[in-house]
Protein backbone atom coordinates (compact mmCIF):
# COMPACT_ATOMS: atom_id res chain seq x y z
CA UNK A 1 -0.20 0.00 0.25
CA UNK A 2 1.26 3.40 -0.86
CA UNK A 3 2.10 5.53 1.64
CA UNK A 4 -0.30 8.96 2.20
CA UNK A 5 1.95 12.31 2.06
CA UNK A 6 0.95 15.44 4.42
CA UNK A 7 0.86 18.40 2.00
CA UNK A 8 3.75 20.72 1.76
CA UNK A 9 5.68 17.50 2.94
CA UNK A 10 8.87 16.60 1.45
CA UNK A 11 10.13 13.10 0.78
CA UNK A 12 12.94 11.89 2.47
CA UNK A 13 16.07 10.41 0.80
CA UNK A 14 15.83 7.35 2.73
CA UNK A 15 12.39 6.89 0.69
CA UNK A 16 10.04 7.89 4.15
CA UNK A 17 7.82 10.93 4.42
CA UNK A 18 8.99 13.72 6.30
CA UNK A 19 6.50 15.40 9.19
CA UNK A 20 3.95 18.19 7.88
CA UNK A 21 5.81 21.33 10.10
CA UNK A 22 2.23 21.85 11.57
CA UNK A 23 2.70 18.32 13.74
CA UNK A 24 6.26 19.13 15.30
CA UNK A 25 4.52 21.00 18.31
CA UNK A 26 2.44 18.04 19.18
CA UNK A 27 5.73 16.50 20.24
CA UNK A 28 8.04 19.34 21.47
CA UNK A 29 4.63 20.50 23.87
CA UNK A 30 5.47 17.30 25.90
CA UNK A 31 9.30 16.87 25.69
CA UNK A 32 9.21 20.63 27.01
CA UNK A 33 7.05 19.77 30.29
CA UNK A 34 8.58 16.93 30.86
CA UNK A 35 11.72 19.23 30.66
CA UNK A 36 10.30 21.77 33.32
CA UNK A 37 9.20 18.82 35.53
CA UNK A 38 13.16 17.50 35.10
CA UNK A 39 14.49 21.16 36.42
CA UNK A 40 11.67 21.86 39.20
CA UNK A 41 12.82 18.40 40.50
CA UNK A 42 16.31 18.98 39.99
CA UNK A 43 16.64 22.25 41.55
CA UNK A 44 13.42 21.66 44.05
CA UNK A 45 15.52 19.38 45.83
CA UNK A 46 19.02 20.57 45.60
CA UNK A 47 20.16 18.01 43.36
CA UNK A 48 19.26 15.12 45.87
CA UNK A 49 17.69 12.61 44.56
CA UNK A 50 13.52 11.62 44.48
CA UNK A 51 14.42 8.22 45.14
CA UNK A 52 15.00 7.15 49.18
CA UNK A 53 11.66 6.38 49.67
CA UNK A 54 10.66 9.84 49.92
CA UNK A 55 7.64 10.85 48.06
CA UNK A 56 7.92 13.32 45.47
CA UNK A 57 6.99 17.31 46.19
CA UNK A 58 3.60 17.17 44.71
CA UNK A 59 2.49 13.67 45.41
CA UNK A 60 2.78 14.62 49.27
CA UNK A 61 1.46 17.96 48.32
CA UNK A 62 -1.29 15.89 47.44
CA UNK A 63 -1.05 13.39 50.72
CA UNK A 64 -0.75 16.73 53.33
CA UNK A 65 -3.75 17.56 51.49
CA UNK A 66 -5.97 15.02 51.78
CA UNK A 67 -4.84 14.00 55.58
CA UNK A 68 -5.84 17.71 55.94
CA UNK A 69 -9.93 16.72 54.96
CA UNK A 70 -9.77 13.73 56.83
CA UNK A 71 -8.40 15.68 59.92
CA UNK A 72 -11.44 18.03 59.62
CA UNK A 73 -13.53 15.40 59.08
CA UNK A 74 -12.58 13.42 62.63
CA UNK A 75 -12.06 16.60 64.33
CA UNK A 76 -8.83 15.19 65.03
CA UNK A 77 -4.82 16.67 64.64
CA UNK A 78 -1.66 15.53 62.59
CA UNK A 79 1.67 17.06 62.85
CA UNK A 80 4.41 18.12 59.83
CA UNK A 81 8.32 16.95 61.02
CA UNK A 82 10.09 19.34 58.17
CA UNK A 83 13.72 18.19 58.15
CA UNK A 84 16.35 21.52 56.59
CA UNK A 85 20.09 20.45 55.04
CA UNK A 86 22.36 22.51 57.70
CA UNK A 87 25.00 21.80 55.78
CA UNK A 88 25.66 22.82 51.76
CA UNK A 89 27.30 19.47 51.29
CA UNK A 90 24.47 17.50 52.11
CA UNK A 91 25.38 13.96 49.91
CA UNK A 92 23.54 11.37 48.18
CA UNK A 93 24.89 8.84 51.23
CA UNK A 94 23.58 11.59 54.21
CA UNK A 95 19.79 11.47 52.60
CA UNK A 96 20.29 7.48 52.37
CA UNK A 97 21.09 7.32 55.79
CA UNK A 98 18.49 9.71 57.02
CA UNK A 99 15.83 7.40 55.04
CA UNK A 100 17.44 4.12 56.66
CA UNK A 101 16.53 5.66 60.43
CA UNK A 102 13.40 7.47 59.27
CA UNK A 103 12.15 3.98 57.80
CA UNK A 104 13.35 2.13 61.68
CA UNK A 105 11.30 4.68 63.10
CA UNK A 106 8.08 5.46 61.55
CA UNK A 107 4.78 3.81 61.40
CA UNK A 108 2.92 2.39 58.67
CA UNK A 109 0.44 5.36 59.17
CA UNK A 110 3.62 8.09 58.59
CA UNK A 111 4.41 8.93 55.47
CA UNK A 112 7.87 11.05 54.03
CA UNK A 113 8.65 13.42 51.16
CA UNK A 114 10.02 15.77 49.54
CA UNK A 115 9.67 19.46 50.20
CA UNK A 116 10.38 22.47 47.89
CA UNK A 117 13.75 23.92 48.80
CA UNK A 118 15.25 20.89 49.12
CA UNK A 119 13.64 20.22 52.69
CA UNK A 120 12.30 17.12 53.67
CA UNK A 121 8.66 16.53 55.59
CA UNK A 122 7.03 14.01 57.03
CA UNK A 123 3.49 13.47 57.74
CA UNK A 124 2.64 12.15 61.39
CA UNK A 125 -1.57 11.80 61.27
CA UNK A 126 -3.65 11.74 64.85
CA UNK A 127 -0.17 12.97 66.58
CA UNK A 128 0.57 16.31 68.18
CA UNK A 129 3.69 17.88 68.39
CA UNK A 130 4.82 16.30 70.45
CA UNK A 131 4.85 12.91 69.04
CA UNK A 132 6.48 14.28 66.25
CA UNK A 133 9.42 16.03 68.46
CA UNK A 134 10.23 12.58 69.90
CA UNK A 135 10.91 10.89 66.19
CA UNK A 136 13.12 13.89 65.50
CA UNK A 137 15.13 13.75 69.01
CA UNK A 138 15.30 10.22 68.35
CA UNK A 139 16.28 10.36 64.23
CA UNK A 140 18.98 13.14 64.51
CA UNK A 141 21.01 11.26 67.43
CA UNK A 142 21.39 8.19 65.44
CA UNK A 143 23.38 10.71 62.74
CA UNK A 144 26.72 9.51 62.02
CA UNK A 145 29.09 11.78 64.03
CA UNK A 146 30.69 12.73 61.17
CA UNK A 147 27.57 14.21 59.35
CA UNK A 148 25.39 17.27 60.45
CA UNK A 149 22.26 16.37 61.52
CA UNK A 150 18.84 18.35 59.83
CA UNK A 151 17.67 21.72 61.34
CA UNK A 152 13.76 20.22 62.40
CA UNK A 153 10.75 22.13 62.51
CA UNK A 154 7.12 20.43 63.90
CA UNK A 155 4.32 22.28 62.21
CA UNK A 156 0.92 21.55 63.99
CA UNK A 157 -2.54 21.28 62.03
CA UNK A 158 -4.58 22.74 63.13
CA UNK A 159 -3.88 25.93 64.19
CA UNK A 160 -5.69 26.41 67.82
CA UNK A 161 -3.25 23.31 68.64
CA UNK A 162 -0.30 25.06 68.48
CA UNK A 163 1.13 26.49 71.44
CA UNK A 164 2.65 30.22 71.92
CA UNK A 165 6.52 29.99 70.75
CA UNK A 166 8.84 32.07 72.29
CA UNK A 167 12.10 31.52 70.49
CA UNK A 168 10.52 30.73 67.22
CA UNK A 169 12.27 29.38 64.15
CA UNK A 170 14.08 26.01 63.68
CA UNK A 171 15.40 24.43 66.74
CA UNK A 172 18.04 21.60 67.06
CA UNK A 173 16.19 18.54 68.33
CA UNK A 174 19.30 17.69 70.59
CA UNK A 175 17.72 20.65 73.04
CA UNK A 176 16.09 18.66 75.33
CA UNK A 177 13.80 21.41 76.28
CA UNK A 178 10.37 20.10 77.51
CA UNK A 179 8.25 23.11 75.23
CA UNK A 180 9.68 22.44 71.39
CA UNK A 181 8.75 25.92 69.54
CA UNK A 182 5.49 24.31 66.83
CA UNK A 183 4.11 26.57 64.40
CA UNK A 184 1.12 26.42 62.57
CA UNK A 185 0.83 24.26 59.77
CA UNK A 186 -2.36 26.39 57.56
CA UNK A 187 0.45 28.29 55.69
CA UNK A 188 1.90 25.93 54.10
CA UNK A 189 -1.57 25.23 52.15
CA UNK A 190 -1.87 28.65 50.92
CA UNK A 191 -2.23 29.06 47.39
CA UNK A 192 -0.39 31.41 45.60
CA UNK A 193 -2.07 33.55 43.05
CA UNK A 194 -1.08 33.03 39.48
CA UNK A 195 0.57 35.96 37.89
CA UNK A 196 -2.09 36.35 35.31
CA UNK A 197 -4.96 36.57 37.28
CA UNK A 198 -2.95 39.33 39.77
CA UNK A 199 -2.17 41.47 36.08
CA UNK A 200 -6.02 41.35 35.79
CA UNK A 201 -6.55 42.11 39.60
CA UNK A 202 -4.55 45.38 38.69
CA UNK A 203 -5.90 46.52 35.48
CA UNK A 204 -9.36 45.60 36.54
CA UNK A 205 -9.37 47.24 39.39
CA UNK A 206 -7.37 50.38 37.61
CA UNK A 207 -9.49 51.00 34.73
CA UNK A 208 -13.11 50.11 36.94
CA UNK A 209 -11.96 53.15 39.65
CA UNK A 210 -11.14 55.56 36.69
CA UNK A 211 -14.51 54.95 34.70
CA UNK A 212 -16.49 54.50 38.25
CA UNK A 213 -15.36 57.61 39.51
CA UNK A 214 -18.08 59.79 38.30
CA UNK A 215 -20.60 57.40 39.58
CA UNK A 216 -18.64 56.94 43.35
CA UNK A 217 -18.26 60.83 43.86
CA UNK A 218 -21.93 61.00 43.01
CA UNK A 219 -22.85 58.17 45.83
CA UNK A 220 -20.00 59.42 48.10
CA UNK A 221 -22.19 63.21 48.13
CA UNK A 222 -25.19 61.91 48.43
CA UNK A 223 -24.20 59.54 51.42
CA UNK A 224 -23.01 62.61 53.39
CA UNK A 225 -25.29 64.93 52.31
CA UNK A 226 -28.14 62.25 53.22
CA UNK A 227 -27.05 61.28 56.17
CA UNK A 228 -24.94 62.60 59.29
CA UNK A 229 -21.65 60.43 59.33
CA UNK A 230 -18.22 59.03 57.28
CA UNK A 231 -18.81 58.45 53.41
CA UNK A 232 -16.50 55.29 53.91
CA UNK A 233 -17.18 52.00 56.44
CA UNK A 234 -14.00 49.95 57.38
CA UNK A 235 -14.59 46.94 59.07
CA UNK A 236 -11.67 44.52 59.52
CA UNK A 237 -12.37 41.16 57.54
CA UNK A 238 -10.19 37.89 57.43
CA UNK A 239 -7.44 37.80 54.23
CA UNK A 240 -5.78 35.30 52.70
CA UNK A 241 -4.80 32.70 55.53
CA UNK A 242 -6.77 34.60 58.38
CA UNK A 243 -5.05 38.05 58.10
CA UNK A 244 -6.92 40.77 58.65
CA UNK A 245 -7.08 43.54 56.26
CA UNK A 246 -9.10 47.02 57.03
CA UNK A 247 -12.46 46.96 53.82
CA UNK A 248 -13.58 50.10 52.33
CA UNK A 249 -17.24 49.84 51.31
CA UNK A 250 -19.32 53.09 51.29
CA UNK A 251 -21.73 53.47 54.39
CA UNK A 252 -25.18 52.13 53.98
CA UNK A 253 -26.18 52.25 57.98
CA UNK A 254 -26.56 54.25 60.64
CA UNK A 255 -23.27 55.32 62.25
CA UNK A 256 -23.63 53.28 65.40
CA UNK A 257 -25.18 50.05 63.30
CA UNK A 258 -22.29 47.96 65.00
CA UNK A 259 -22.94 48.63 68.56
CA UNK A 260 -26.61 48.17 67.69
CA UNK A 261 -26.23 44.42 66.07
CA UNK A 262 -26.09 42.91 69.05
CA UNK A 263 -29.78 43.40 69.67
CA UNK A 264 -31.00 42.06 66.53
CA UNK A 265 -28.93 39.19 66.49
CA UNK A 266 -32.64 37.31 67.67
CA UNK A 267 -33.58 38.55 64.11
CA UNK A 268 -30.84 36.71 62.46
CA UNK A 269 -32.43 35.41 58.97
CA UNK A 270 -28.97 33.52 57.93
CA UNK A 271 -27.97 30.35 60.06
CA UNK A 272 -24.17 30.00 60.72
CA UNK A 273 -21.71 32.79 62.15
CA UNK A 274 -22.91 35.32 59.72
CA UNK A 275 -25.55 37.97 60.22
CA UNK A 276 -28.26 38.69 57.80
CA UNK A 277 -31.83 40.62 58.23
CA UNK A 278 -33.75 41.78 55.12
CA UNK A 279 -35.83 44.96 56.59
CA UNK A 280 -32.53 45.50 59.05
CA UNK A 281 -33.41 48.70 60.70
CA UNK A 282 -29.91 50.69 60.42
CA UNK A 283 -30.05 50.83 56.51
CA UNK A 284 -29.85 54.25 55.88
CA UNK A 285 -32.50 55.42 52.89
CA UNK A 286 -29.40 55.56 50.17
CA UNK A 287 -28.04 52.48 51.60
CA UNK A 288 -31.26 50.28 50.96
CA UNK A 289 -30.80 51.73 46.79
CA UNK A 290 -26.87 50.83 47.05
CA UNK A 291 -26.99 47.38 48.65
CA UNK A 292 -29.36 46.38 46.59
CA UNK A 293 -27.26 47.23 43.81
CA UNK A 294 -24.00 46.08 45.17
CA UNK A 295 -22.61 50.27 45.08
CA UNK A 296 -21.21 50.23 47.79
CA UNK A 297 -18.60 46.86 47.22
CA UNK A 298 -17.18 49.62 44.89
CA UNK A 299 -14.76 51.09 46.67
CA UNK A 300 -13.43 47.70 47.63
CA UNK A 301 -11.59 48.57 43.83
CA UNK A 302 -9.17 50.07 45.95
CA UNK A 303 -8.41 46.75 48.11
CA UNK A 304 -8.13 45.25 45.17
CA UNK A 305 -5.53 47.44 43.58
CA UNK A 306 -3.56 47.23 46.73
CA UNK A 307 -3.56 43.48 46.98
CA UNK A 308 -5.56 42.41 50.01
CA UNK A 309 -8.06 41.24 47.33
CA UNK A 310 -8.60 39.63 44.58
CA UNK A 311 -11.47 40.84 42.35
CA UNK A 312 -12.58 36.76 41.82
CA UNK A 313 -12.64 34.80 44.95
CA UNK A 314 -14.87 34.12 48.08
CA UNK A 315 -16.06 37.03 49.91
CA UNK A 316 -14.04 38.95 52.68
CA UNK A 317 -16.33 37.75 55.61
CA UNK A 318 -16.62 39.71 59.44
CA UNK A 319 -13.23 38.51 61.08
CA UNK A 320 -15.29 37.69 64.37
CA UNK A 321 -17.78 34.97 61.95
CA UNK A 322 -14.25 33.33 60.67
CA UNK A 323 -12.98 32.64 63.96
CA UNK A 324 -16.08 30.63 65.04
CA UNK A 325 -16.21 29.01 61.04
CA UNK A 326 -16.21 25.31 61.50
CA UNK A 327 -12.28 23.89 60.26
CA UNK A 328 -13.74 22.59 57.09
CA UNK A 329 -15.36 26.29 56.22
CA UNK A 330 -11.95 28.12 57.12
CA UNK A 331 -10.09 26.31 54.31
CA UNK A 332 -11.81 29.04 51.59
CA UNK A 333 -9.13 31.08 53.70
CA UNK A 334 -6.43 29.41 51.76
CA UNK A 335 -7.17 31.64 48.38
CA UNK A 336 -7.56 35.53 48.10
CA UNK A 337 -10.57 36.97 49.12
CA UNK A 338 -12.78 38.28 46.40
CA UNK A 339 -15.15 40.87 45.36
CA UNK A 340 -17.41 38.57 43.46
CA UNK A 341 -17.72 35.05 43.57
CA UNK A 342 -20.07 31.92 42.71
CA UNK A 343 -22.58 33.18 46.14
CA UNK A 344 -22.73 36.55 44.52
CA UNK A 345 -24.04 35.72 41.03
CA UNK A 346 -26.16 31.96 42.50
CA UNK A 347 -26.76 32.48 46.29
CA UNK A 348 -26.38 35.72 48.70
CA UNK A 349 -29.20 35.45 50.71
CA UNK A 350 -31.28 32.51 49.20
CA UNK A 351 -28.30 29.87 50.22
CA UNK A 352 -27.73 28.93 53.72
CA UNK A 353 -24.12 29.70 55.43
CA UNK A 354 -22.88 25.21 54.37
CA UNK A 355 -23.63 25.46 51.27
CA UNK A 356 -22.42 28.85 50.77
CA UNK A 357 -18.65 27.88 52.24
CA UNK A 358 -19.19 25.03 49.37
CA UNK A 359 -19.53 26.96 47.09
CA UNK A 360 -16.46 28.97 47.97
CA UNK A 361 -14.81 25.93 47.77
CA UNK A 362 -16.21 25.13 44.58
CA UNK A 363 -14.36 27.83 43.05
CA UNK A 364 -10.85 27.04 44.75
CA UNK A 365 -11.04 24.08 43.58
CA UNK A 366 -11.49 24.98 39.67
CA UNK A 367 -10.15 28.22 39.58
CA UNK A 368 -9.12 29.52 36.51
CA UNK A 369 -8.57 32.62 34.92
CA UNK A 370 -11.43 31.17 32.24
CA UNK A 371 -13.51 30.70 35.62
CA UNK A 372 -13.00 34.67 36.84
CA UNK A 373 -13.72 36.12 33.49
CA UNK A 374 -17.07 33.88 33.65
CA UNK A 375 -17.36 34.72 37.05
CA UNK A 376 -17.28 38.50 36.35
CA UNK A 377 -19.24 38.64 33.19
CA UNK A 378 -22.12 36.77 35.42
CA UNK A 379 -22.00 39.20 38.35
CA UNK A 380 -23.40 41.83 35.82
CA UNK A 381 -27.00 40.91 35.46
CA UNK A 382 -26.70 39.22 38.85
CA UNK A 383 -26.69 42.91 39.69
CA UNK A 384 -29.01 45.00 37.29
CA UNK A 385 -31.66 41.70 38.74
CA UNK A 386 -30.61 42.37 42.03
CA UNK A 387 -30.61 38.14 42.79
CA UNK A 388 -30.44 37.41 46.28
CA UNK A 389 -29.74 41.10 47.35
CA UNK A 390 -30.94 42.22 51.14
């Protein structure tokens, strides 16, 4: 059977057909991806082998995430021992020695793998910090005398289990101190904001502030004219990782609204720790309109420009409300909080608090630039038709 040639192909001297140039990319792209993966492995582990029974960086990250979900479901605690080589000449033989010592000491449920920066992590399910430090002591004391043992640090999840740390930083496992320094593990799960997403945030917030400045100036004048008090309302909200920041909104309530909140708690229409009241008596005349149309949220574009928020992300909640959230609900703090998200588009006042949290976690799982653009587009009709606004 005669072979068919692609249009534009030139026969080779050996009688075989050369592939069309357009097909080269099909094979080149996987090659580039494999090369990038190799370079990440090479420089992410100080050029040490990914062998010795240690999980790769990606596999170990997935193991940690699974253990976090399991611990949240069972209300358990787990710890992570982080081993950082002190010696720049930490050799393959030293790494093999560490792997051997760990295998002798770890339980079948414990896992060891690579972390970023050439560090090695050891996961201890259902184990408090003292258990992880016990293993660190045993392993480091058994290191050969001609090898400097790694620096040890223990992280515990959830952070409520972390005692006050007066010493800070890494600690020698051989110090023999009764109270070893322990750090929170939550920062390990924080998701970095992609450069493309941050670029969209900066450009979008700048354009929004410029185009909407006439409207914002008008609203500011009306707020000042219709009720005594400041134009803007500020409140501490929980940002990424629970870090508090000052959020800006147009004031839509009377000045003493926060002081009067306690007397209205019995009328709260939102389950969970959040507070929602459809006919809130604290809302001013203009406030009712700007809340219905979400105009009161426009100053948050300044928070986006400052990097405290993103255009799309879980809604930034009042700090005391976040403190009363369940452990699985606090996973929404893994990413930067946003002006709009799935809840603003599809839910708002019409869904339960648990479903609100599930929508935020759904966004984190499926987050992408395309998803952000889609949610921004869906926000416009949701605001215009006032779906779920109160």
